[in-house]
Amino acid sequence: MAKYDIVTKSIIKQIAKDLSKYILKIPIENSIELIEKEFTRIEKRDADLLFKSGDSIIHIEIQNNNHPKMDKRMLRYYSDLLFEFEDFKIEQFIIYIGKSRCTMKNEIKRDKISFKYDIIDMKDLSCEEFLKSNEPALVSLAILCDFENKDEQLVVNTILKKLKTLCQDEIEFRSHLKMVEILSSNRNLEDAVKKGENMLKVDIQKMPSYQIGLEKGIERGIEKGIEKGIERGLEKGKYEARVNMAKEALKHGFDIEMVSKLTKLSKDEILNIQKTL
């Protein structure tokens, strides 16, 4: 799920607390510590999301397909985690975002082994809870949930409108919009998202601030393509403006190649900026 890695995981890591609280129903301490850990045995394995909360280690894997040996992979993760965090309680979860029905096993019982973890299929969760949230990432994930017989276009439009309201700037909105676009293919909602985006453009054009936005080049980007509009605006801007844009993009999980494309800064310049964050 390479294309999901760029957008989905970077956003999910920003909302580890909310993900655990609302999806996994885990009581979370006021402060948690994200753990960047690479496990190596025969092959390299990076846990999708790993963090400490109180006396617990929470391990989450995001799956876009039914891996036939996922139960064995999770057992490997468990043994590796046990070596590293022997004094902690280890809780493991799979969040399944795939299109087809989830068929993965969530336990191994054989010989003298009794091992189990939880699988949460996003299709089984009500979109209403996500739409009530004030966290843009959780609102974005509503595209994967159960619409409960509601009109699909209406729900999609609600997701996009709320994202536009919650996101603090165009870069943050664009990041979450990209996530919705990617994930919509798992629910055959690509056309609904495109219609919703067109609807949003029309709504924005009705706002009094639209003409001011055109002068600055940002709303022109919405009309003719966000990426081209930002690039055009940056070409006229000062170097400091491009540096500030790069900082904001990096903070919101954009990769170096995309930041370079948006800001016209070299990859070396962006790496230096990243070191200052």
C-alpha atoms as a PDB file:
ATOM      1  CA  MET A   1       0.000   0.000   0.000  1.00  0.00           C
ATOM      2  CA  ALA A   2       2.769   2.401  -1.033  1.00  0.00           C
ATOM      3  CA  LYS A   3       0.499   5.263  -2.072  1.00  0.00           C
ATOM      4  CA  TYR A   4      -1.320   5.043   1.275  1.00  0.00           C
ATOM      5  CA  ASP A   5       1.979   5.329   3.162  1.00  0.00           C
ATOM      6  CA  ILE A   6       2.618   8.893   1.960  1.00  0.00           C
ATOM      7  CA  VAL A   7      -0.664  10.370   3.092  1.00  0.00           C
ATOM      8  CA  THR A   8      -2.562   8.055   5.402  1.00  0.00           C
ATOM      9  CA  LYS A   9       0.159   7.055   7.857  1.00  0.00           C
ATOM     10  CA  SER A  10       1.627  10.542   8.169  1.00  0.00           C
ATOM     11  CA  ILE A  11      -1.790  11.881   9.173  1.00  0.00           C
ATOM     12  CA  ILE A  12      -2.646   8.933  11.404  1.00  0.00           C
ATOM     13  CA  LYS A  13       0.591   9.404  13.350  1.00  0.00           C
ATOM     14  CA  GLN A  14      -0.497  12.959  14.116  1.00  0.00           C
ATOM     15  CA  ILE A  15      -3.702  11.751  15.739  1.00  0.00           C
ATOM     16  CA  ALA A  16      -2.570   8.641  17.612  1.00  0.00           C
ATOM     17  CA  LYS A  17      -4.582   9.697  20.658  1.00  0.00           C
ATOM     18  CA  ASP A  18      -7.828  10.166  18.750  1.00  0.00           C
ATOM     19  CA  LEU A  19      -7.332   7.016  16.703  1.00  0.00           C
ATOM     20  CA  SER A  20      -6.946   4.981  19.876  1.00  0.00           C
ATOM     21  CA  LYS A  21      -9.744   6.715  21.734  1.00  0.00           C
ATOM     22  CA  TYR A  22     -12.436   6.699  19.046  1.00  0.00           C
ATOM     23  CA  ILE A  23     -11.601   3.639  16.941  1.00  0.00           C
ATOM     24  CA  LEU A  24      -9.854   1.295  19.368  1.00  0.00           C
ATOM     25  CA  LYS A  25     -11.659   2.507  22.513  1.00  0.00           C
ATOM     26  CA  ILE A  26      -8.422   2.582  24.527  1.00  0.00           C
ATOM     27  CA  PRO A  27      -8.140   4.941  27.530  1.00  0.00           C
ATOM     28  CA  ILE A  28      -5.209   7.204  26.671  1.00  0.00           C
ATOM     29  CA  GLU A  29      -2.860   9.042  29.012  1.00  0.00           C
ATOM     30  CA  ASN A  30      -2.560  12.823  28.625  1.00  0.00           C
ATOM     31  CA  SER A  31       0.816  12.373  26.971  1.00  0.00           C
ATOM     32  CA  ILE A  32       1.900   9.510  24.758  1.00  0.00           C
ATOM     33  CA  GLU A  33       5.271   8.715  23.233  1.00  0.00           C
ATOM     34  CA  LEU A  34       5.404   7.676  19.590  1.00  0.00           C
ATOM     35  CA  ILE A  35       8.036   4.995  19.025  1.00  0.00           C
ATOM     36  CA  GLU A  36       9.986   4.867  15.760  1.00  0.00           C
ATOM     37  CA  LYS A  37      11.186   1.280  15.734  1.00  0.00           C
ATOM     38  CA  GLU A  38      12.577  -0.892  12.954  1.00  0.00           C
ATOM     39  CA  PHE A  39      12.594  -4.652  13.544  1.00  0.00           C
ATOM     40  CA  THR A  40      15.100  -6.822  11.680  1.00  0.00           C
ATOM     41  CA  ARG A  41      15.260 -10.587  11.601  1.00  0.00           C
ATOM     42  CA  ILE A  42      15.468 -12.087   8.125  1.00  0.00           C
ATOM     43  CA  GLU A  43      13.653  -9.129   6.579  1.00  0.00           C
ATOM     44  CA  LYS A  44      13.166  -5.553   7.725  1.00  0.00           C
ATOM     45  CA  ARG A  45       9.776  -4.723   9.237  1.00  0.00           C
ATOM     46  CA  ASP A  46       8.528  -1.308  10.283  1.00  0.00           C
ATOM     47  CA  ALA A  47       5.467  -1.151  12.503  1.00  0.00           C
ATOM     48  CA  ASP A  48       2.852   1.186  11.031  1.00  0.00           C
ATOM     49  CA  LEU A  49       2.139   2.870  14.350  1.00  0.00           C
ATOM     50  CA  LEU A  50       3.758   2.154  17.703  1.00  0.00           C
ATOM     51  CA  PHE A  51       3.471   4.228  20.849  1.00  0.00           C
ATOM     52  CA  LYS A  52       3.620   4.146  24.640  1.00  0.00           C
ATOM     53  CA  SER A  53       0.654   5.095  26.769  1.00  0.00           C
ATOM     54  CA  GLY A  54       1.067   4.640  30.498  1.00  0.00           C
ATOM     55  CA  ASP A  55       2.187   1.058  31.090  1.00  0.00           C
ATOM     56  CA  SER A  56       1.032  -0.120  27.632  1.00  0.00           C
ATOM     57  CA  ILE A  57       2.649  -0.453  24.216  1.00  0.00           C
ATOM     58  CA  ILE A  58       0.073   0.058  21.456  1.00  0.00           C
ATOM     59  CA  HIS A  59       0.884  -1.509  18.085  1.00  0.00           C
ATOM     60  CA  ILE A  60      -1.351  -0.755  15.079  1.00  0.00           C
ATOM     61  CA  GLU A  61      -1.077  -2.135  11.547  1.00  0.00           C
ATOM     62  CA  ILE A  62      -3.058  -0.582   8.694  1.00  0.00           C
ATOM     63  CA  GLN A  63      -4.083  -3.169   6.091  1.00  0.00           C
ATOM     64  CA  ASN A  64      -5.457  -2.472   2.628  1.00  0.00           C
ATOM     65  CA  ASN A  65      -5.715  -6.134   1.643  1.00  0.00           C
ATOM     66  CA  ASN A  66      -6.229  -9.568   3.168  1.00  0.00           C
ATOM     67  CA  HIS A  67      -2.751 -10.851   3.900  1.00  0.00           C
ATOM     68  CA  PRO A  68      -2.946 -14.687   4.100  1.00  0.00           C
ATOM     69  CA  LYS A  69      -0.306 -14.875   6.832  1.00  0.00           C
ATOM     70  CA  MET A  70      -1.129 -11.748   8.803  1.00  0.00           C
ATOM     71  CA  ASP A  71      -1.665 -13.744  11.995  1.00  0.00           C
ATOM     72  CA  LYS A  72       1.899 -15.034  11.802  1.00  0.00           C
ATOM     73  CA  ARG A  73       3.259 -11.581  11.021  1.00  0.00           C
ATOM     74  CA  MET A  74       1.506 -10.173  14.076  1.00  0.00           C
ATOM     75  CA  LEU A  75       2.971 -12.950  16.222  1.00  0.00           C
ATOM     76  CA  ARG A  76       6.437 -11.985  14.976  1.00  0.00           C
ATOM     77  CA  TYR A  77       5.788  -8.377  15.892  1.00  0.00           C
ATOM     78  CA  TYR A  78       4.608  -9.482  19.317  1.00  0.00           C
ATOM     79  CA  SER A  79       7.774 -11.488  20.010  1.00  0.00           C
ATOM     80  CA  ASP A  80       9.966  -8.583  18.871  1.00  0.00           C
ATOM     81  CA  LEU A  81       8.023  -6.153  21.056  1.00  0.00           C
ATOM     82  CA  LEU A  82       8.226  -8.516  24.005  1.00  0.00           C
ATOM     83  CA  PHE A  83      12.028  -8.519  23.758  1.00  0.00           C
ATOM     84  CA  GLU A  84      12.118  -4.704  23.713  1.00  0.00           C
ATOM     85  CA  PHE A  85       9.316  -3.918  26.179  1.00  0.00           C
ATOM     86  CA  GLU A  86       9.122  -6.864  28.545  1.00  0.00           C
ATOM     87  CA  ASP A  87       7.726  -4.801  31.439  1.00  0.00           C
ATOM     88  CA  PHE A  88       4.858  -3.312  29.408  1.00  0.00           C
ATOM     89  CA  LYS A  89       1.442  -4.602  28.458  1.00  0.00           C
ATOM     90  CA  ILE A  90       1.379  -5.115  24.664  1.00  0.00           C
ATOM     91  CA  GLU A  91      -1.842  -4.410  22.763  1.00  0.00           C
ATOM     92  CA  GLN A  92      -2.055  -5.125  19.033  1.00  0.00           C
ATOM     93  CA  PHE A  93      -4.603  -4.057  16.440  1.00  0.00           C
ATOM     94  CA  ILE A  94      -5.189  -4.235  12.711  1.00  0.00           C
ATOM     95  CA  ILE A  95      -7.235  -1.450  11.139  1.00  0.00           C
ATOM     96  CA  TYR A  96      -8.571  -2.838   7.874  1.00  0.00           C
ATOM     97  CA  ILE A  97      -9.374  -0.281   5.169  1.00  0.00           C
ATOM     98  CA  GLY A  98      -9.669  -2.633   2.188  1.00  0.00           C
ATOM     99  CA  LYS A  99     -12.456  -2.831  -0.378  1.00  0.00           C
ATOM    100  CA  SER A 100     -13.197  -6.559  -0.097  1.00  0.00           C
ATOM    101  CA  ARG A 101     -14.592  -8.338   2.954  1.00  0.00           C
ATOM    102  CA  CYS A 102     -12.008  -8.857   5.700  1.00  0.00           C
ATOM    103  CA  THR A 103     -11.051 -12.549   5.897  1.00  0.00           C
ATOM    104  CA  MET A 104      -7.885 -12.361   7.989  1.00  0.00           C
ATOM    105  CA  LYS A 105      -7.580 -14.435  11.146  1.00  0.00           C
ATOM    106  CA  ASN A 106      -7.072 -12.647  14.451  1.00  0.00           C
ATOM    107  CA  GLU A 107      -5.640 -15.507  16.494  1.00  0.00           C
ATOM    108  CA  ILE A 108      -3.313 -18.497  16.526  1.00  0.00           C
ATOM    109  CA  LYS A 109      -4.149 -21.534  18.616  1.00  0.00           C
ATOM    110  CA  ARG A 110      -1.925 -24.548  18.054  1.00  0.00           C
ATOM    111  CA  ASP A 111       0.585 -26.679  19.907  1.00  0.00           C
ATOM    112  CA  LYS A 112       0.962 -24.709  23.158  1.00  0.00           C
ATOM    113  CA  ILE A 113       0.432 -21.277  21.613  1.00  0.00           C
ATOM    114  CA  SER A 114      -2.606 -19.115  22.332  1.00  0.00           C
ATOM    115  CA  PHE A 115      -2.174 -15.717  20.648  1.00  0.00           C
ATOM    116  CA  LYS A 116      -4.819 -13.133  19.767  1.00  0.00           C
ATOM    117  CA  TYR A 117      -5.182  -9.522  18.597  1.00  0.00           C
ATOM    118  CA  ASP A 118      -8.041  -7.289  17.416  1.00  0.00           C
ATOM    119  CA  ILE A 119      -9.113  -6.480  13.861  1.00  0.00           C
ATOM    120  CA  ILE A 120     -11.237  -3.374  13.229  1.00  0.00           C
ATOM    121  CA  ASP A 121     -12.884  -3.179   9.815  1.00  0.00           C
ATOM    122  CA  MET A 122     -13.586   0.472   9.014  1.00  0.00           C
ATOM    123  CA  LYS A 123     -16.682  -0.559   7.026  1.00  0.00           C
ATOM    124  CA  ASP A 124     -18.293  -1.665  10.295  1.00  0.00           C
ATOM    125  CA  LEU A 125     -17.934   1.746  11.970  1.00  0.00           C
ATOM    126  CA  SER A 126     -20.579   4.464  11.702  1.00  0.00           C
ATOM    127  CA  CYS A 127     -19.486   7.535   9.769  1.00  0.00           C
ATOM    128  CA  GLU A 128     -21.562   9.699  12.138  1.00  0.00           C
ATOM    129  CA  GLU A 129     -19.021   9.453  14.947  1.00  0.00           C
ATOM    130  CA  PHE A 130     -16.230  10.548  12.617  1.00  0.00           C
ATOM    131  CA  LEU A 131     -18.239  13.437  11.170  1.00  0.00           C
ATOM    132  CA  LYS A 132     -18.863  14.764  14.706  1.00  0.00           C
ATOM    133  CA  SER A 133     -15.128  15.035  15.322  1.00  0.00           C
ATOM    134  CA  ASN A 134     -13.195  18.293  15.142  1.00  0.00           C
ATOM    135  CA  GLU A 135     -10.052  16.451  14.061  1.00  0.00           C
ATOM    136  CA  PRO A 136      -9.577  16.733  10.249  1.00  0.00           C
ATOM    137  CA  ALA A 137      -7.867  13.343  10.020  1.00  0.00           C
ATOM    138  CA  LEU A 138     -10.795  11.551  11.662  1.00  0.00           C
ATOM    139  CA  VAL A 139     -13.249  13.390   9.396  1.00  0.00           C
ATOM    140  CA  SER A 140     -11.163  12.234   6.406  1.00  0.00           C
ATOM    141  CA  LEU A 141     -11.406   8.623   7.563  1.00  0.00           C
ATOM    142  CA  ALA A 142     -15.226   8.872   7.505  1.00  0.00           C
ATOM    143  CA  ILE A 143     -15.002   8.100   3.761  1.00  0.00           C
ATOM    144  CA  LEU A 144     -14.178   4.485   4.735  1.00  0.00           C
ATOM    145  CA  CYS A 145     -17.010   4.010   7.215  1.00  0.00           C
ATOM    146  CA  ASP A 146     -20.598   2.805   7.092  1.00  0.00           C
ATOM    147  CA  PHE A 147     -22.852   5.504   5.598  1.00  0.00           C
ATOM    148  CA  GLU A 148     -25.877   3.681   7.108  1.00  0.00           C
ATOM    149  CA  ASN A 149     -28.084   4.017   3.991  1.00  0.00           C
ATOM    150  CA  LYS A 150     -27.554   7.784   3.828  1.00  0.00           C
ATOM    151  CA  ASP A 151     -27.197   9.425   0.427  1.00  0.00           C
ATOM    152  CA  GLU A 152     -23.561   8.850  -0.593  1.00  0.00           C
ATOM    153  CA  GLN A 153     -23.122  12.214  -2.304  1.00  0.00           C
ATOM    154  CA  LEU A 154     -24.560  14.049   0.695  1.00  0.00           C
ATOM    155  CA  VAL A 155     -22.141  12.302   3.079  1.00  0.00           C
ATOM    156  CA  VAL A 156     -19.156  12.976   0.809  1.00  0.00           C
ATOM    157  CA  ASN A 157     -20.136  16.643   0.495  1.00  0.00           C
ATOM    158  CA  THR A 158     -20.407  16.863   4.291  1.00  0.00           C
ATOM    159  CA  ILE A 159     -16.914  15.386   4.696  1.00  0.00           C
ATOM    160  CA  LEU A 160     -15.368  17.879   2.271  1.00  0.00           C
ATOM    161  CA  LYS A 161     -17.194  20.899   3.696  1.00  0.00           C
ATOM    162  CA  LYS A 162     -16.189  20.027   7.247  1.00  0.00           C
ATOM    163  CA  LEU A 163     -12.563  19.534   6.213  1.00  0.00           C
ATOM    164  CA  LYS A 164     -12.568  22.943   4.584  1.00  0.00           C
ATOM    165  CA  THR A 165     -13.890  24.441   7.813  1.00  0.00           C
ATOM    166  CA  LEU A 166     -11.516  22.598  10.161  1.00  0.00           C
ATOM    167  CA  CYS A 167      -8.238  22.898   8.231  1.00  0.00           C
ATOM    168  CA  GLN A 168      -6.254  25.978   9.146  1.00  0.00           C
ATOM    169  CA  ASP A 169      -4.684  26.585   5.734  1.00  0.00           C
ATOM    170  CA  GLU A 170      -4.696  25.404   2.131  1.00  0.00           C
ATOM    171  CA  ILE A 171      -1.759  23.022   2.613  1.00  0.00           C
ATOM    172  CA  GLU A 172      -3.484  21.176   5.459  1.00  0.00           C
ATOM    173  CA  PHE A 173      -6.730  21.017   3.494  1.00  0.00           C
ATOM    174  CA  ARG A 174      -4.951  19.734   0.398  1.00  0.00           C
ATOM    175  CA  SER A 175      -3.241  17.006   2.452  1.00  0.00           C
ATOM    176  CA  HIS A 176      -6.533  15.709   3.854  1.00  0.00           C
ATOM    177  CA  LEU A 177      -8.304  16.072   0.513  1.00  0.00           C
ATOM    178  CA  LYS A 178      -5.621  13.903  -1.089  1.00  0.00           C
ATOM    179  CA  MET A 179      -6.202  11.303   1.600  1.00  0.00           C
ATOM    180  CA  VAL A 180      -9.962  11.298   0.908  1.00  0.00           C
ATOM    181  CA  GLU A 181      -9.321  10.956  -2.839  1.00  0.00           C
ATOM    182  CA  ILE A 182      -7.031   7.956  -2.334  1.00  0.00           C
ATOM    183  CA  LEU A 183      -9.258   6.179   0.167  1.00  0.00           C
ATOM    184  CA  SER A 184     -12.431   6.802  -1.851  1.00  0.00           C
ATOM    185  CA  SER A 185     -11.359   4.107  -4.334  1.00  0.00           C
ATOM    186  CA  ASN A 186     -11.834   1.522  -1.569  1.00  0.00           C
ATOM    187  CA  ARG A 187     -15.536   2.367  -1.490  1.00  0.00           C
ATOM    188  CA  ASN A 188     -16.051   3.125  -5.216  1.00  0.00           C
ATOM    189  CA  LEU A 189     -16.697   6.761  -4.314  1.00  0.00           C
ATOM    190  CA  GLU A 190     -14.221   8.451  -6.675  1.00  0.00           C
ATOM    191  CA  ASP A 191     -16.964  10.111  -8.752  1.00  0.00           C
ATOM    192  CA  ALA A 192     -18.788  11.312  -5.641  1.00  0.00           C
ATOM    193  CA  VAL A 193     -15.579  12.919  -4.353  1.00  0.00           C
ATOM    194  CA  LYS A 194     -14.998  14.678  -7.695  1.00  0.00           C
ATOM    195  CA  LYS A 195     -18.562  16.024  -7.652  1.00  0.00           C
ATOM    196  CA  GLY A 196     -18.077  17.120  -4.051  1.00  0.00           C
ATOM    197  CA  GLU A 197     -14.885  18.971  -4.952  1.00  0.00           C
ATOM    198  CA  ASN A 198     -16.680  20.776  -7.785  1.00  0.00           C
ATOM    199  CA  MET A 199     -19.489  21.680  -5.390  1.00  0.00           C
ATOM    200  CA  LEU A 200     -16.957  23.061  -2.915  1.00  0.00           C
ATOM    201  CA  LYS A 201     -15.350  25.233  -5.604  1.00  0.00           C
ATOM    202  CA  VAL A 202     -18.721  26.764  -6.440  1.00  0.00           C
ATOM    203  CA  ASP A 203     -19.416  27.462  -2.748  1.00  0.00           C
ATOM    204  CA  ILE A 204     -16.023  29.128  -2.349  1.00  0.00           C
ATOM    205  CA  GLN A 205     -16.611  31.343  -5.374  1.00  0.00           C
ATOM    206  CA  LYS A 206     -19.766  32.709  -3.696  1.00  0.00           C
ATOM    207  CA  MET A 207     -17.767  33.941  -0.689  1.00  0.00           C
ATOM    208  CA  PRO A 208     -16.925  37.704  -0.524  1.00  0.00           C
ATOM    209  CA  SER A 209     -13.287  36.836   0.123  1.00  0.00           C
ATOM    210  CA  TYR A 210     -12.983  34.944  -3.156  1.00  0.00           C
ATOM    211  CA  GLN A 211     -11.850  37.963  -5.213  1.00  0.00           C
ATOM    212  CA  ILE A 212      -9.224  38.812  -2.596  1.00  0.00           C
ATOM    213  CA  GLY A 213      -8.020  35.232  -2.775  1.00  0.00           C
ATOM    214  CA  LEU A 214      -7.720  35.497  -6.544  1.00  0.00           C
ATOM    215  CA  GLU A 215      -5.372  38.456  -6.186  1.00  0.00           C
ATOM    216  CA  LYS A 216      -3.137  36.426  -3.919  1.00  0.00           C
ATOM    217  CA  GLY A 217      -3.090  33.448  -6.264  1.00  0.00           C
ATOM    218  CA  ILE A 218      -4.474  30.926  -3.779  1.00  0.00           C
ATOM    219  CA  GLU A 219      -8.114  30.808  -4.884  1.00  0.00           C
ATOM    220  CA  ARG A 220      -6.956  30.876  -8.501  1.00  0.00           C
ATOM    221  CA  GLY A 221      -5.227  27.627  -7.567  1.00  0.00           C
ATOM    222  CA  ILE A 222      -8.588  26.213  -6.454  1.00  0.00           C
ATOM    223  CA  GLU A 223     -10.173  27.242  -9.760  1.00  0.00           C
ATOM    224  CA  LYS A 224      -7.433  25.984 -12.098  1.00  0.00           C
ATOM    225  CA  GLY A 225      -5.664  23.419  -9.943  1.00  0.00           C
ATOM    226  CA  ILE A 226      -4.298  23.903  -6.435  1.00  0.00           C
ATOM    227  CA  GLU A 227      -0.792  22.793  -7.286  1.00  0.00           C
ATOM    228  CA  LYS A 228      -0.399  25.093 -10.320  1.00  0.00           C
ATOM    229  CA  GLY A 229      -1.889  28.011  -8.433  1.00  0.00           C
ATOM    230  CA  ILE A 230       0.525  27.623  -5.522  1.00  0.00           C
ATOM    231  CA  GLU A 231       3.484  27.294  -7.897  1.00  0.00           C
ATOM    232  CA  ARG A 232       2.418  30.453  -9.778  1.00  0.00           C
ATOM    233  CA  GLY A 233       2.081  32.364  -6.530  1.00  0.00           C
ATOM    234  CA  LEU A 234       5.473  31.173  -5.324  1.00  0.00           C
ATOM    235  CA  GLU A 235       7.198  32.265  -8.524  1.00  0.00           C
ATOM    236  CA  LYS A 236       6.208  35.851  -7.662  1.00  0.00           C
ATOM    237  CA  GLY A 237       6.950  35.522  -3.969  1.00  0.00           C
ATOM    238  CA  LYS A 238      10.118  36.031  -2.008  1.00  0.00           C
ATOM    239  CA  TYR A 239      12.506  33.306  -0.921  1.00  0.00           C
ATOM    240  CA  GLU A 240      11.324  33.639   2.687  1.00  0.00           C
ATOM    241  CA  ALA A 241       7.769  32.889   1.613  1.00  0.00           C
ATOM    242  CA  ARG A 242       8.908  29.693  -0.062  1.00  0.00           C
ATOM    243  CA  VAL A 243      10.832  28.664   3.048  1.00  0.00           C
ATOM    244  CA  ASN A 244       7.748  29.252   5.218  1.00  0.00           C
ATOM    245  CA  MET A 245       5.617  27.246   2.776  1.00  0.00           C
ATOM    246  CA  ALA A 246       8.146  24.404   2.935  1.00  0.00           C
ATOM    247  CA  LYS A 247       8.057  24.408   6.745  1.00  0.00           C
ATOM    248  CA  GLU A 248       4.260  24.182   6.802  1.00  0.00           C
ATOM    249  CA  ALA A 249       4.224  21.402   4.212  1.00  0.00           C
ATOM    250  CA  LEU A 250       6.815  19.373   6.149  1.00  0.00           C
ATOM    251  CA  LYS A 251       4.858  19.803   9.383  1.00  0.00           C
ATOM    252  CA  HIS A 252       1.786  18.340   7.678  1.00  0.00           C
ATOM    253  CA  GLY A 253       3.575  15.215   6.473  1.00  0.00           C
ATOM    254  CA  PHE A 254       4.396  16.091   2.852  1.00  0.00           C
ATOM    255  CA  ASP A 255       7.432  14.229   1.545  1.00  0.00           C
ATOM    256  CA  ILE A 256      10.557  16.087   0.405  1.00  0.00           C
ATOM    257  CA  GLU A 257       9.930  15.512  -3.288  1.00  0.00           C
ATOM    258  CA  MET A 258       6.422  16.994  -3.108  1.00  0.00           C
ATOM    259  CA  VAL A 259       7.618  19.970  -1.006  1.00  0.00           C
ATOM    260  CA  SER A 260      10.328  20.639  -3.591  1.00  0.00           C
ATOM    261  CA  LYS A 261       7.761  20.565  -6.367  1.00  0.00           C
ATOM    262  CA  LEU A 262       5.414  22.943  -4.542  1.00  0.00           C
ATOM    263  CA  THR A 263       8.020  25.465  -3.376  1.00  0.00           C
ATOM    264  CA  LYS A 264      10.614  25.293  -6.189  1.00  0.00           C
ATOM    265  CA  LEU A 265      13.300  24.799  -3.550  1.00  0.00           C
ATOM    266  CA  SER A 266      15.995  22.169  -4.041  1.00  0.00           C
ATOM    267  CA  LYS A 267      15.863  18.929  -2.088  1.00  0.00           C
ATOM    268  CA  ASP A 268      19.068  19.922  -0.259  1.00  0.00           C
ATOM    269  CA  GLU A 269      17.476  23.216   0.804  1.00  0.00           C
ATOM    270  CA  ILE A 270      14.400  21.361   2.080  1.00  0.00           C
ATOM    271  CA  LEU A 271      16.544  18.876   3.999  1.00  0.00           C
ATOM    272  CA  ASN A 272      18.237  21.814   5.728  1.00  0.00           C
ATOM    273  CA  ILE A 273      14.853  23.351   6.535  1.00  0.00           C
ATOM    274  CA  GLN A 274      13.649  19.995   7.913  1.00  0.00           C
ATOM    275  CA  LYS A 275      16.593  19.944  10.333  1.00  0.00           C
ATOM    276  CA  THR A 276      15.389  23.229  11.875  1.00  0.00           C
ATOM    277  CA  LEU A 277      11.912  21.921  12.729  1.00  0.00           C
END
